[in-house]
């Protein structure tokens, strides 16, 4: 995000202020995901925008999966992240969530195969026949907990933080160098 002459890594953190050598990078990465994805998703949910909030959450999951794994295999990393970090997600749901929601939204600006975001479901994922529903309110709670746990892991494990630092420096090389 750009405001005036400043490009932001996270709300209130310019790229020039990212701690690329120290330990606060874990918190700054958490601030990025919360500030650019999770907090806007929360505002959208509060205003009844299930679809838009769901899109933000799918993109947040994509970003977290990339940061955590660094894998170039998008499907593998997205499904694996969901299986590992979303308590409500089974292997079959993560497969459908990836194909129907993530790929549909990213590539076609729609949810495929009758999938839907709804604020009315009682759980994160609900299967009704062939239709998969996702409640963004519950998904937000699960993603927020996963992010908090990941930040703690990065703060406690220097090797993990170094791997994320390298991914961030590679993925944002233009932003850091210009």
Protein backbone atom coordinates (compact mmCIF):
# COMPACT_ATOMS: atom_id res chain seq x y z
CA UNK A 1 0.00 0.00 0.00
CA UNK A 2 1.34 3.43 -0.87
CA UNK A 3 0.54 6.64 0.98
CA UNK A 4 2.33 9.66 -0.42
CA UNK A 5 5.99 8.81 -0.84
CA UNK A 6 5.86 5.77 1.46
CA UNK A 7 5.23 2.15 0.54
CA UNK A 8 3.88 0.08 3.42
CA UNK A 9 4.71 -3.52 4.31
CA UNK A 10 1.94 -3.44 6.91
CA UNK A 11 -0.29 -0.69 8.24
CA UNK A 12 2.03 1.72 10.05
CA UNK A 13 5.20 -0.13 8.89
CA UNK A 14 6.96 1.15 5.79
CA UNK A 15 9.26 -1.17 3.86
CA UNK A 16 12.18 0.95 5.06
CA UNK A 17 11.20 0.12 8.67
CA UNK A 18 10.89 -3.65 8.26
CA UNK A 19 13.30 -5.40 10.61
CA UNK A 20 15.08 -7.50 8.00
CA UNK A 21 17.93 -8.40 10.35
CA UNK A 22 16.28 -8.67 13.77
CA UNK A 23 13.66 -10.61 15.66
CA UNK A 24 10.73 -8.19 15.37
CA UNK A 25 10.15 -9.36 11.79
CA UNK A 26 7.84 -12.09 13.12
CA UNK A 27 5.57 -9.51 14.74
CA UNK A 28 5.76 -7.24 11.69
CA UNK A 29 4.71 -10.15 9.45
CA UNK A 30 1.81 -10.78 11.82
CA UNK A 31 0.91 -7.09 11.64
CA UNK A 32 0.86 -7.35 7.85
CA UNK A 33 -1.53 -10.30 7.76
CA UNK A 34 -3.77 -8.86 10.49
CA UNK A 35 -3.76 -5.32 9.12
CA UNK A 36 -4.17 -6.00 5.41
CA UNK A 37 -6.35 -9.12 5.56
CA UNK A 38 -7.87 -10.17 8.88
CA UNK A 39 -9.00 -6.80 10.23
CA UNK A 40 -10.60 -5.79 6.89
CA UNK A 41 -12.31 -9.21 6.80
CA UNK A 42 -13.69 -8.54 10.28
CA UNK A 43 -15.10 -5.16 9.20
CA UNK A 44 -16.69 -6.78 6.16
CA UNK A 45 -18.26 -9.51 8.32
CA UNK A 46 -19.65 -6.91 10.72
CA UNK A 47 -21.30 -5.24 7.74
CA UNK A 48 -22.79 -8.45 6.38
CA UNK A 49 -20.40 -8.88 3.44
CA UNK A 50 -19.83 -12.64 3.57
CA UNK A 51 -18.42 -12.94 0.05
CA UNK A 52 -15.91 -10.09 0.32
CA UNK A 53 -14.74 -11.16 3.77
CA UNK A 54 -14.31 -14.71 2.52
CA UNK A 55 -12.17 -13.53 -0.37
CA UNK A 56 -9.90 -11.67 2.08
CA UNK A 57 -9.57 -14.79 4.22
CA UNK A 58 -8.76 -17.08 1.30
CA UNK A 59 -6.02 -14.66 0.24
CA UNK A 60 -4.72 -14.51 3.83
CA UNK A 61 -4.51 -18.30 3.91
CA UNK A 62 -2.66 -18.24 0.59
CA UNK A 63 -0.17 -15.70 1.99
CA UNK A 64 0.37 -17.63 5.22
CA UNK A 65 0.83 -20.90 3.37
CA UNK A 66 3.44 -19.25 1.12
CA UNK A 67 5.30 -17.71 4.04
CA UNK A 68 5.28 -20.88 6.12
CA UNK A 69 6.17 -23.43 3.48
CA UNK A 70 7.82 -21.54 0.65
CA UNK A 71 6.56 -24.33 -1.60
CA UNK A 72 6.08 -23.53 -5.27
CA UNK A 73 3.24 -26.09 -5.43
CA UNK A 74 0.29 -23.83 -4.64
CA UNK A 75 -2.28 -26.59 -4.23
CA UNK A 76 -0.09 -28.65 -1.97
CA UNK A 77 0.84 -25.72 0.26
CA UNK A 78 -2.73 -24.33 0.49
CA UNK A 79 -4.33 -27.70 1.27
CA UNK A 80 -1.52 -28.64 3.63
CA UNK A 81 -1.81 -25.35 5.51
CA UNK A 82 -5.57 -25.77 5.88
CA UNK A 83 -5.18 -29.36 7.12
CA UNK A 84 -2.49 -28.35 9.61
CA UNK A 85 -3.99 -25.12 10.95
CA UNK A 86 -7.77 -25.11 10.55
CA UNK A 87 -9.29 -27.45 13.15
CA UNK A 88 -12.51 -27.65 11.13
CA UNK A 89 -10.75 -28.75 7.97
CA UNK A 90 -10.53 -32.37 6.89
CA UNK A 91 -8.52 -33.60 3.91
CA UNK A 92 -11.64 -33.80 1.75
CA UNK A 93 -12.79 -30.33 2.78
CA UNK A 94 -9.36 -28.80 2.16
CA UNK A 95 -9.38 -30.34 -1.33
CA UNK A 96 -12.81 -28.88 -2.08
CA UNK A 97 -11.98 -25.56 -0.42
CA UNK A 98 -8.87 -25.25 -2.59
CA UNK A 99 -10.52 -26.22 -5.86
CA UNK A 100 -13.93 -24.61 -5.38
CA UNK A 101 -13.11 -21.48 -3.37
CA UNK A 102 -9.42 -20.61 -3.75
CA UNK A 103 -9.03 -21.48 -7.41
CA UNK A 104 -12.46 -20.22 -8.33
CA UNK A 105 -11.91 -16.87 -6.64
CA UNK A 106 -8.31 -16.32 -7.74
CA UNK A 107 -8.71 -17.47 -11.34
CA UNK A 108 -12.36 -16.81 -12.16
CA UNK A 109 -13.62 -14.29 -9.55
CA UNK A 110 -16.28 -16.76 -8.41
CA UNK A 111 -16.80 -19.75 -6.18
CA UNK A 112 -17.25 -22.85 -8.30
CA UNK A 113 -19.61 -25.82 -8.06
CA UNK A 114 -22.27 -24.11 -5.95
CA UNK A 115 -19.89 -23.31 -3.10
CA UNK A 116 -20.88 -20.36 -0.96
CA UNK A 117 -19.83 -18.04 1.80
CA UNK A 118 -22.58 -17.57 4.34
CA UNK A 119 -22.80 -15.92 7.73
CA UNK A 120 -25.65 -18.27 8.64
CA UNK A 121 -23.79 -21.59 8.96
CA UNK A 122 -23.13 -22.84 12.48
CA UNK A 123 -19.62 -24.06 11.69
CA UNK A 124 -16.70 -23.03 9.52
CA UNK A 125 -17.49 -25.57 6.83
CA UNK A 126 -20.80 -27.19 6.15
CA UNK A 127 -21.52 -29.79 3.50
CA UNK A 128 -25.06 -30.01 2.20
CA UNK A 129 -25.08 -32.64 -0.47
CA UNK A 130 -22.63 -31.47 -3.12
CA UNK A 131 -22.55 -27.89 -1.84
CA UNK A 132 -19.74 -26.70 0.43
CA UNK A 133 -20.53 -23.64 2.54
CA UNK A 134 -18.00 -21.62 4.50
CA UNK A 135 -18.82 -19.19 7.29
CA UNK A 136 -16.23 -16.37 7.21
CA UNK A 137 -16.87 -15.53 10.88
CA UNK A 138 -15.67 -18.94 11.99
CA UNK A 139 -12.92 -19.06 9.36
CA UNK A 140 -11.59 -15.71 10.59
CA UNK A 141 -11.38 -17.04 14.15
CA UNK A 142 -9.44 -20.11 13.02
CA UNK A 143 -7.05 -18.15 10.79
CA UNK A 144 -6.43 -15.56 13.52
CA UNK A 145 -5.51 -18.31 16.01
CA UNK A 146 -3.22 -19.95 13.45
CA UNK A 147 -1.50 -16.63 12.76
CA UNK A 148 -0.95 -15.95 16.47
CA UNK A 149 0.55 -19.42 16.93
CA UNK A 150 2.77 -18.97 13.87
CA UNK A 151 4.13 -15.64 15.10
CA UNK A 152 4.99 -17.29 18.46
CA UNK A 153 6.72 -20.13 16.61
CA UNK A 154 8.78 -17.67 14.59
CA UNK A 155 9.75 -15.78 17.74
CA UNK A 156 10.86 -19.01 19.42
CA UNK A 157 12.61 -20.71 16.50
CA UNK A 158 15.40 -18.69 14.85
CA UNK A 159 15.75 -21.12 11.93
CA UNK A 160 12.05 -20.75 11.05
CA UNK A 161 12.30 -16.97 11.27
CA UNK A 162 15.35 -17.02 9.02
CA UNK A 163 13.47 -19.06 6.41
CA UNK A 164 10.56 -16.58 6.49
CA UNK A 165 12.99 -13.65 6.32
CA UNK A 166 14.52 -15.14 3.17
CA UNK A 167 11.08 -15.66 1.60
CA UNK A 168 10.03 -12.09 2.42
CA UNK A 169 13.28 -10.64 1.06
CA UNK A 170 12.88 -12.68 -2.14
CA UNK A 171 9.16 -12.04 -2.64
CA UNK A 172 9.47 -8.32 -1.91
CA UNK A 173 12.92 -7.72 -3.42
CA UNK A 174 11.62 -4.91 -5.64
CA UNK A 175 9.94 -3.13 -2.72
CA UNK A 176 13.03 -3.37 -0.51
CA UNK A 177 15.37 -2.16 -3.27
CA UNK A 178 13.34 0.73 -4.69
